[in-house]
Structures are given as structure tokens and as C-alpha cells.
Amino acid sequence: MKYLNARPLIRGWAGEVEFDHPSALCKRLANGELAVALVSSFEFLRNPIYRIVNGVSISSDGPVYSVVVAHRGDISELKEIELDPASQTAVNLLRCLLKGLGLNPRFVRTVEGSTGCQPVVPRSLPDTKARLLIGDQAIRLRQEYAKEFHFWDLGQQWKQRFGLPFVYALWLVRPKVADVKTIANRLRALRNENLMNLDGLIADEKDFNHQFCARYYREYLRFNFGEKERKGLRTFADLCVKHGLLEKCHLALDLV
């Protein structure tokens, strides 16, 4: 993934790295164009054929900061939400959270926002409309327009309702990839090395304020995939089934 939240998992990888937005990577992984990819967790729930690199994820255990609904009025008054098409996981998480509140606004998919660098929420946004933003765009919007919008943080809402971490992205490996354990060990080692040298990773950051990056990595994000994260992922899967976003199936986690 090409977002700030992925840096601690990919910086320093010795081989070739292809960057793209989560939805594009999911499609390429599903089509067999990629053997291994850091992609939206919903891709695994949608098609649980993949092996999961154990112990590694992009998660939050409370507010995540970079997955938000930007709005002016009260959430309960929203009639329409524009969806950033870059993330399957965020879109379906939002649907589940709103269903849990008994809310059913109209969802509109946009082509804006998934490739550009600048925030795309208009200043004239009425109280009954909102927009879902993820990743770097969400961060920029919050920093540049903090006084103009409210931000409904999906990580915070999930934690308040279920008391569990939420898993946004996982390393997924296609079936029959050779030497998968070696690949998984290298990815875990890379994560560990970057987290141990987090100050150095932050010092190399050119797109965002270093003080913010330190808070983002240390306070908002988690990079583990342990028992609580697995429980959070299963809870999300059950909700998606309940709300008709997934077909019911036995969710077996093939960890490597």
C-alpha cells in the first residue's frame, strides 16, 4: 500500500515493491498478478483462500485518525455519504457501524479521492451529506480543515462498541506460493526492525510532519496480529454476514 500507515511494514524490503491503493492491490492479488500483498482485511473475508502472515497487521485499538467520515451536522442526520473507493474494509466497516446505530444513509461511490493528493471534501458540504476518507487524504483533511468539519473516527467507534482492536490490512499470500515461511519470516523481521528504529523511519519522512508521524505510529496504529486482533477480525466477519455484506462461511485463518 502507498499510505503512511504501511511504511513500518515495507520500508527496507530488499526486493521489488509495487505501490498502489488498497482496492487496486486486492484486485491484482485476486487475479494472480501478485503473489504477496499488504491489502484490506476484507479481501481475506471475501475470499479466504489466502495464507496470512502471522503476527503482522495494520490495526488500531481505539482511534485510528486516518479512517474517518468528514461531516458538519450530526451523524444521525446524514442522508448521503460519499465513499472513497480505495478501501473495501473501511466501506464495509462504515456500513456495519451505521447499521448498528439503526442508520441507513444513501451511499455514493466517487472516483475522486482515491488517486489524488489533496483533500476532496467541499467546504460547502451540507449538514445532511458526508464523505468517507482513508489514509493520507484523511490525514491531510484533518490537519488542514480541523475547524471546518467533524470527524467520525471509525476505529474509535469500533473500539467503543466491541472493545476489540480493528484490523484494516494484512499480508496475504496466494495459495501454492513457494517458500512461504521464509517470506513470512522476512516480513516479520522487517516489521520488527522498522519498529525498533522508528525514529529513523520518521526522520526520513518527507510528506508529513515528524511530530505527527511519531504520534500516529505510537498512539494510533498497531502492527501486531495476535489473539485480540484475530477476535476483532472474526467479529467484523460476523457483522458483515449479519448485514448481508458477506456470505456465511467457516472462517479458518491459515497462518504462516
Protein backbone atom coordinates (compact mmCIF):
# COMPACT_ATOMS: atom_id res chain seq x y z
CA MET A 1 0.00 0.00 0.00
CA LYS A 2 1.13 3.53 -0.70
CA TYR A 3 -0.13 5.09 2.55
CA LEU A 4 1.80 6.41 5.54
CA ASN A 5 0.41 3.63 7.73
CA ALA A 6 2.22 0.98 5.66
CA ARG A 7 5.73 2.42 5.95
CA PRO A 8 6.75 0.41 9.05
CA LEU A 9 5.84 -2.81 7.24
CA ILE A 10 7.54 -2.21 3.89
CA ARG A 11 10.46 0.20 4.36
CA GLY A 12 13.73 -1.55 3.59
CA TRP A 13 12.35 -4.52 1.68
CA ALA A 14 15.20 -5.78 -0.47
CA GLY A 15 13.11 -6.95 -3.41
CA GLU A 16 10.81 -5.17 -5.81
CA VAL A 17 7.86 -3.34 -4.23
CA GLU A 18 4.79 -2.23 -6.19
CA PHE A 19 2.75 0.57 -4.65
CA ASP A 20 -0.94 1.09 -5.28
CA HIS A 21 -4.17 1.82 -3.47
CA PRO A 22 -5.76 -0.99 -1.39
CA SER A 23 -8.63 -1.76 -3.75
CA ALA A 24 -6.28 -1.98 -6.75
CA LEU A 25 -3.92 -4.28 -4.86
CA CYS A 26 -6.83 -6.50 -3.83
CA LYS A 27 -7.88 -6.88 -7.45
CA ARG A 28 -4.35 -7.68 -8.59
CA LEU A 29 -3.86 -10.22 -5.81
CA ALA A 30 -7.19 -11.90 -6.60
CA ASN A 31 -6.28 -12.04 -10.30
CA GLY A 32 -2.95 -13.69 -9.56
CA GLU A 33 -0.87 -10.71 -10.72
CA LEU A 34 0.67 -10.52 -7.25
CA ALA A 35 1.79 -13.44 -5.10
CA VAL A 36 2.01 -11.49 -1.83
CA ALA A 37 0.36 -8.19 -0.94
CA LEU A 38 -0.45 -5.94 2.00
CA VAL A 39 -4.16 -5.46 1.40
CA SER A 40 -7.50 -4.70 3.01
CA SER A 41 -8.56 -7.33 5.54
CA PHE A 42 -11.96 -7.56 3.83
CA GLU A 43 -10.23 -9.16 0.82
CA PHE A 44 -9.47 -12.16 3.02
CA LEU A 45 -13.02 -12.26 4.42
CA ARG A 46 -14.42 -12.03 0.90
CA ASN A 47 -12.22 -14.82 -0.44
CA PRO A 48 -10.50 -16.72 2.39
CA ILE A 49 -8.19 -18.74 0.16
CA TYR A 50 -5.09 -16.85 1.22
CA ARG A 51 -2.48 -17.59 3.84
CA ILE A 52 -1.96 -14.83 6.40
CA VAL A 53 1.45 -13.70 7.63
CA ASN A 54 1.00 -14.31 11.34
CA GLY A 55 1.73 -11.57 13.85
CA VAL A 56 1.60 -8.64 11.39
CA SER A 57 -1.24 -6.28 10.52
CA ILE A 58 -2.24 -2.64 10.33
CA SER A 59 -4.71 -2.24 13.17
CA SER A 60 -5.98 0.18 15.77
CA ASP A 61 -7.10 -0.36 19.35
CA GLY A 62 -9.05 2.88 19.62
CA PRO A 63 -9.00 5.96 17.38
CA VAL A 64 -7.12 5.36 14.12
CA TYR A 65 -7.11 9.01 12.92
CA SER A 66 -6.90 8.13 9.21
CA VAL A 67 -10.22 6.35 8.59
CA VAL A 68 -12.94 8.93 9.12
CA VAL A 69 -16.26 10.32 7.98
CA ALA A 70 -15.96 14.07 7.46
CA HIS A 71 -19.27 15.78 8.23
CA ARG A 72 -20.82 19.00 9.50
CA GLY A 73 -24.11 18.00 11.10
CA ASP A 74 -24.94 15.14 13.42
CA ILE A 75 -24.22 11.61 12.15
CA SER A 76 -27.84 10.65 12.79
CA GLU A 77 -29.00 13.35 10.35
CA LEU A 78 -26.94 12.17 7.38
CA LYS A 79 -28.84 11.34 4.21
CA GLU A 80 -25.87 10.65 1.93
CA ILE A 81 -22.25 9.56 2.36
CA GLU A 82 -19.72 9.60 -0.46
CA LEU A 83 -17.45 6.57 -0.27
CA ASP A 84 -13.75 6.58 -1.01
CA PRO A 85 -13.43 3.60 -3.37
CA ALA A 86 -9.84 2.91 -2.32
CA SER A 87 -10.73 0.63 0.60
CA GLN A 88 -13.11 -2.31 0.81
CA THR A 89 -12.52 -2.64 4.54
CA ALA A 90 -13.36 0.95 5.52
CA VAL A 91 -16.52 1.00 3.38
CA ASN A 92 -17.86 -2.20 4.91
CA LEU A 93 -16.82 -1.20 8.42
CA LEU A 94 -18.78 2.03 7.98
CA ARG A 95 -21.83 0.10 6.77
CA CYS A 96 -21.69 -2.18 9.84
CA LEU A 97 -21.26 0.68 12.29
CA LEU A 98 -24.17 2.65 10.85
CA LYS A 99 -26.40 -0.43 10.74
CA GLY A 100 -25.64 -0.90 14.43
CA LEU A 101 -26.99 2.58 15.08
CA GLY A 102 -30.08 1.95 13.01
CA LEU A 103 -28.94 4.43 10.36
CA ASN A 104 -29.31 3.88 6.65
CA PRO A 105 -27.98 6.81 4.61
CA ARG A 106 -27.55 6.54 0.87
CA PHE A 107 -24.03 5.60 -0.23
CA VAL A 108 -22.50 7.17 -3.32
CA ARG A 109 -19.26 5.89 -4.80
CA THR A 110 -16.88 8.51 -6.18
CA VAL A 111 -13.86 8.27 -8.42
CA GLU A 112 -12.28 11.27 -6.75
CA GLY A 113 -10.12 10.92 -3.72
CA SER A 114 -8.63 7.53 -4.48
CA THR A 115 -5.71 8.82 -6.52
CA GLY A 116 -5.21 12.49 -5.75
CA CYS A 117 -3.12 14.06 -3.02
CA GLN A 118 -5.37 16.87 -1.86
CA PRO A 119 -8.42 16.62 0.38
CA VAL A 120 -11.59 16.47 -1.69
CA VAL A 121 -14.41 17.38 0.71
CA PRO A 122 -16.06 20.60 -0.48
CA ARG A 123 -16.33 23.43 2.01
CA SER A 124 -19.98 23.77 1.03
CA LEU A 125 -20.79 20.25 2.29
CA PRO A 126 -24.35 20.43 3.70
CA ASP A 127 -25.28 19.00 7.09
CA THR A 128 -27.04 16.02 5.54
CA LYS A 129 -24.04 14.89 3.46
CA ALA A 130 -20.64 13.49 4.42
CA ARG A 131 -17.65 11.78 2.91
CA LEU A 132 -15.61 8.75 3.96
CA LEU A 133 -11.87 9.25 3.60
CA ILE A 134 -8.98 6.93 4.35
CA GLY A 135 -5.21 7.02 4.55
CA ASP A 136 -3.14 10.05 3.64
CA GLN A 137 -6.11 12.02 2.34
CA ALA A 138 -7.91 11.66 5.65
CA ILE A 139 -4.80 12.85 7.49
CA ARG A 140 -4.39 15.90 5.26
CA LEU A 141 -8.04 16.82 5.58
CA ARG A 142 -7.96 16.61 9.37
CA GLN A 143 -4.84 18.71 9.54
CA GLU A 144 -5.91 21.39 7.05
CA TYR A 145 -9.63 21.67 7.86
CA ALA A 146 -9.80 20.72 11.53
CA LYS A 147 -12.06 23.67 12.36
CA GLU A 148 -14.42 23.20 9.42
CA PHE A 149 -15.57 19.59 9.84
CA HIS A 150 -16.34 16.98 12.44
CA PHE A 151 -14.52 13.66 12.05
CA TRP A 152 -16.23 10.40 12.93
CA ASP A 153 -13.30 8.09 13.59
CA LEU A 154 -14.22 4.53 12.63
CA GLY A 155 -11.52 2.98 14.80
CA GLN A 156 -12.82 4.82 17.84
CA GLN A 157 -16.42 3.83 17.11
CA TRP A 158 -15.43 0.17 16.72
CA LYS A 159 -13.49 0.12 19.98
CA GLN A 160 -16.33 1.78 21.91
CA ARG A 161 -18.87 -0.77 20.69
CA PHE A 162 -16.92 -4.01 20.71
CA GLY A 163 -13.92 -3.42 22.98
CA LEU A 164 -11.59 -5.03 20.44
CA PRO A 165 -8.87 -3.92 18.02
CA PHE A 166 -9.88 -3.46 14.40
CA VAL A 167 -7.74 -4.95 11.63
CA TYR A 168 -7.54 -2.83 8.48
CA ALA A 169 -4.86 -4.63 6.48
CA LEU A 170 -2.98 -7.93 6.39
CA TRP A 171 -0.15 -9.50 4.47
CA LEU A 172 -1.91 -12.11 2.30
CA VAL A 173 -0.15 -14.83 0.31
CA ARG A 174 -1.75 -16.67 -2.59
CA PRO A 175 -2.05 -20.47 -2.38
CA LYS A 176 0.86 -22.57 -3.62
CA VAL A 177 3.44 -19.77 -3.31
CA ALA A 178 6.81 -21.44 -2.77
CA ASP A 179 8.83 -20.96 0.41
CA VAL A 180 6.02 -19.07 2.10
CA LYS A 181 7.51 -19.47 5.58
CA THR A 182 10.72 -17.75 4.51
CA ILE A 183 8.71 -14.85 3.06
CA ALA A 184 6.63 -14.56 6.25
CA ASN A 185 9.72 -14.60 8.46
CA ARG A 186 11.32 -11.84 6.37
CA LEU A 187 8.19 -9.69 6.63
CA ARG A 188 8.02 -10.14 10.39
CA ALA A 189 11.71 -9.33 10.73
CA LEU A 190 11.29 -6.21 8.58
CA ARG A 191 8.40 -5.01 10.75
CA ASN A 192 10.43 -5.60 13.90
CA GLU A 193 13.46 -3.77 12.52
CA ASN A 194 11.42 -0.74 11.45
CA LEU A 195 9.61 -0.51 14.78
CA MET A 196 12.90 -0.73 16.66
CA ASN A 197 14.24 2.11 14.51
CA LEU A 198 11.03 4.10 14.34
CA ASP A 199 12.80 7.42 14.95
CA GLY A 200 14.95 6.81 11.88
CA LEU A 201 11.92 5.92 9.76
CA ILE A 202 10.18 9.11 10.89
CA ALA A 203 13.29 11.23 10.20
CA ASP A 204 13.21 10.05 6.56
CA GLU A 205 9.54 11.01 6.12
CA LYS A 206 9.12 13.80 3.55
CA ASP A 207 5.34 14.14 3.23
CA PHE A 208 4.20 14.62 6.83
CA ASN A 209 5.24 16.48 9.95
CA HIS A 210 7.60 14.33 12.02
CA GLN A 211 5.89 15.12 15.31
CA PHE A 212 2.58 13.94 13.87
CA CYS A 213 4.20 10.78 12.48
CA ALA A 214 5.52 9.90 15.93
CA ARG A 215 2.03 10.21 17.43
CA TYR A 216 0.43 8.37 14.52
CA TYR A 217 2.72 5.36 14.73
CA ARG A 218 2.93 5.17 18.50
CA GLU A 219 -0.57 6.22 19.62
CA TYR A 220 -2.99 5.42 16.82
CA LEU A 221 -1.66 2.39 14.95
CA ARG A 222 -0.84 -1.16 15.97
CA PHE A 223 1.20 -3.54 13.82
CA ASN A 224 0.51 -6.86 15.55
CA PHE A 225 -1.87 -9.66 14.65
CA GLY A 226 -2.39 -11.61 17.83
CA GLU A 227 -5.32 -13.17 19.67
CA LYS A 228 -7.25 -9.92 20.20
CA GLU A 229 -6.77 -8.83 16.59
CA ARG A 230 -7.94 -12.22 15.35
CA LYS A 231 -11.03 -11.95 17.56
CA GLY A 232 -11.67 -8.46 16.17
CA LEU A 233 -11.39 -9.77 12.61
CA ARG A 234 -13.83 -12.60 13.32
CA THR A 235 -16.26 -10.16 14.92
CA PHE A 236 -16.09 -7.98 11.80
CA ALA A 237 -16.72 -11.04 9.62
CA ASP A 238 -19.79 -11.99 11.69
CA LEU A 239 -21.18 -8.46 11.37
CA CYS A 240 -20.64 -8.46 7.62
CA VAL A 241 -22.57 -11.73 7.38
CA LYS A 242 -25.33 -10.35 9.60
CA HIS A 243 -25.75 -7.28 7.40
CA GLY A 244 -25.58 -9.16 4.10
CA LEU A 245 -22.11 -7.97 3.10
CA LEU A 246 -20.65 -11.48 3.11
CA GLU A 247 -21.97 -14.99 2.65
CA LYS A 248 -21.76 -17.09 5.77
CA CYS A 249 -18.78 -19.42 5.82
CA HIS A 250 -16.41 -21.10 8.26
CA LEU A 251 -13.57 -18.62 8.64
CA ALA A 252 -10.33 -20.56 9.04
CA LEU A 253 -7.19 -18.47 9.45
CA ASP A 254 -4.28 -20.18 7.69
CA LEU A 255 -1.37 -18.50 9.49
CA VAL A 256 2.26 -18.80 8.41
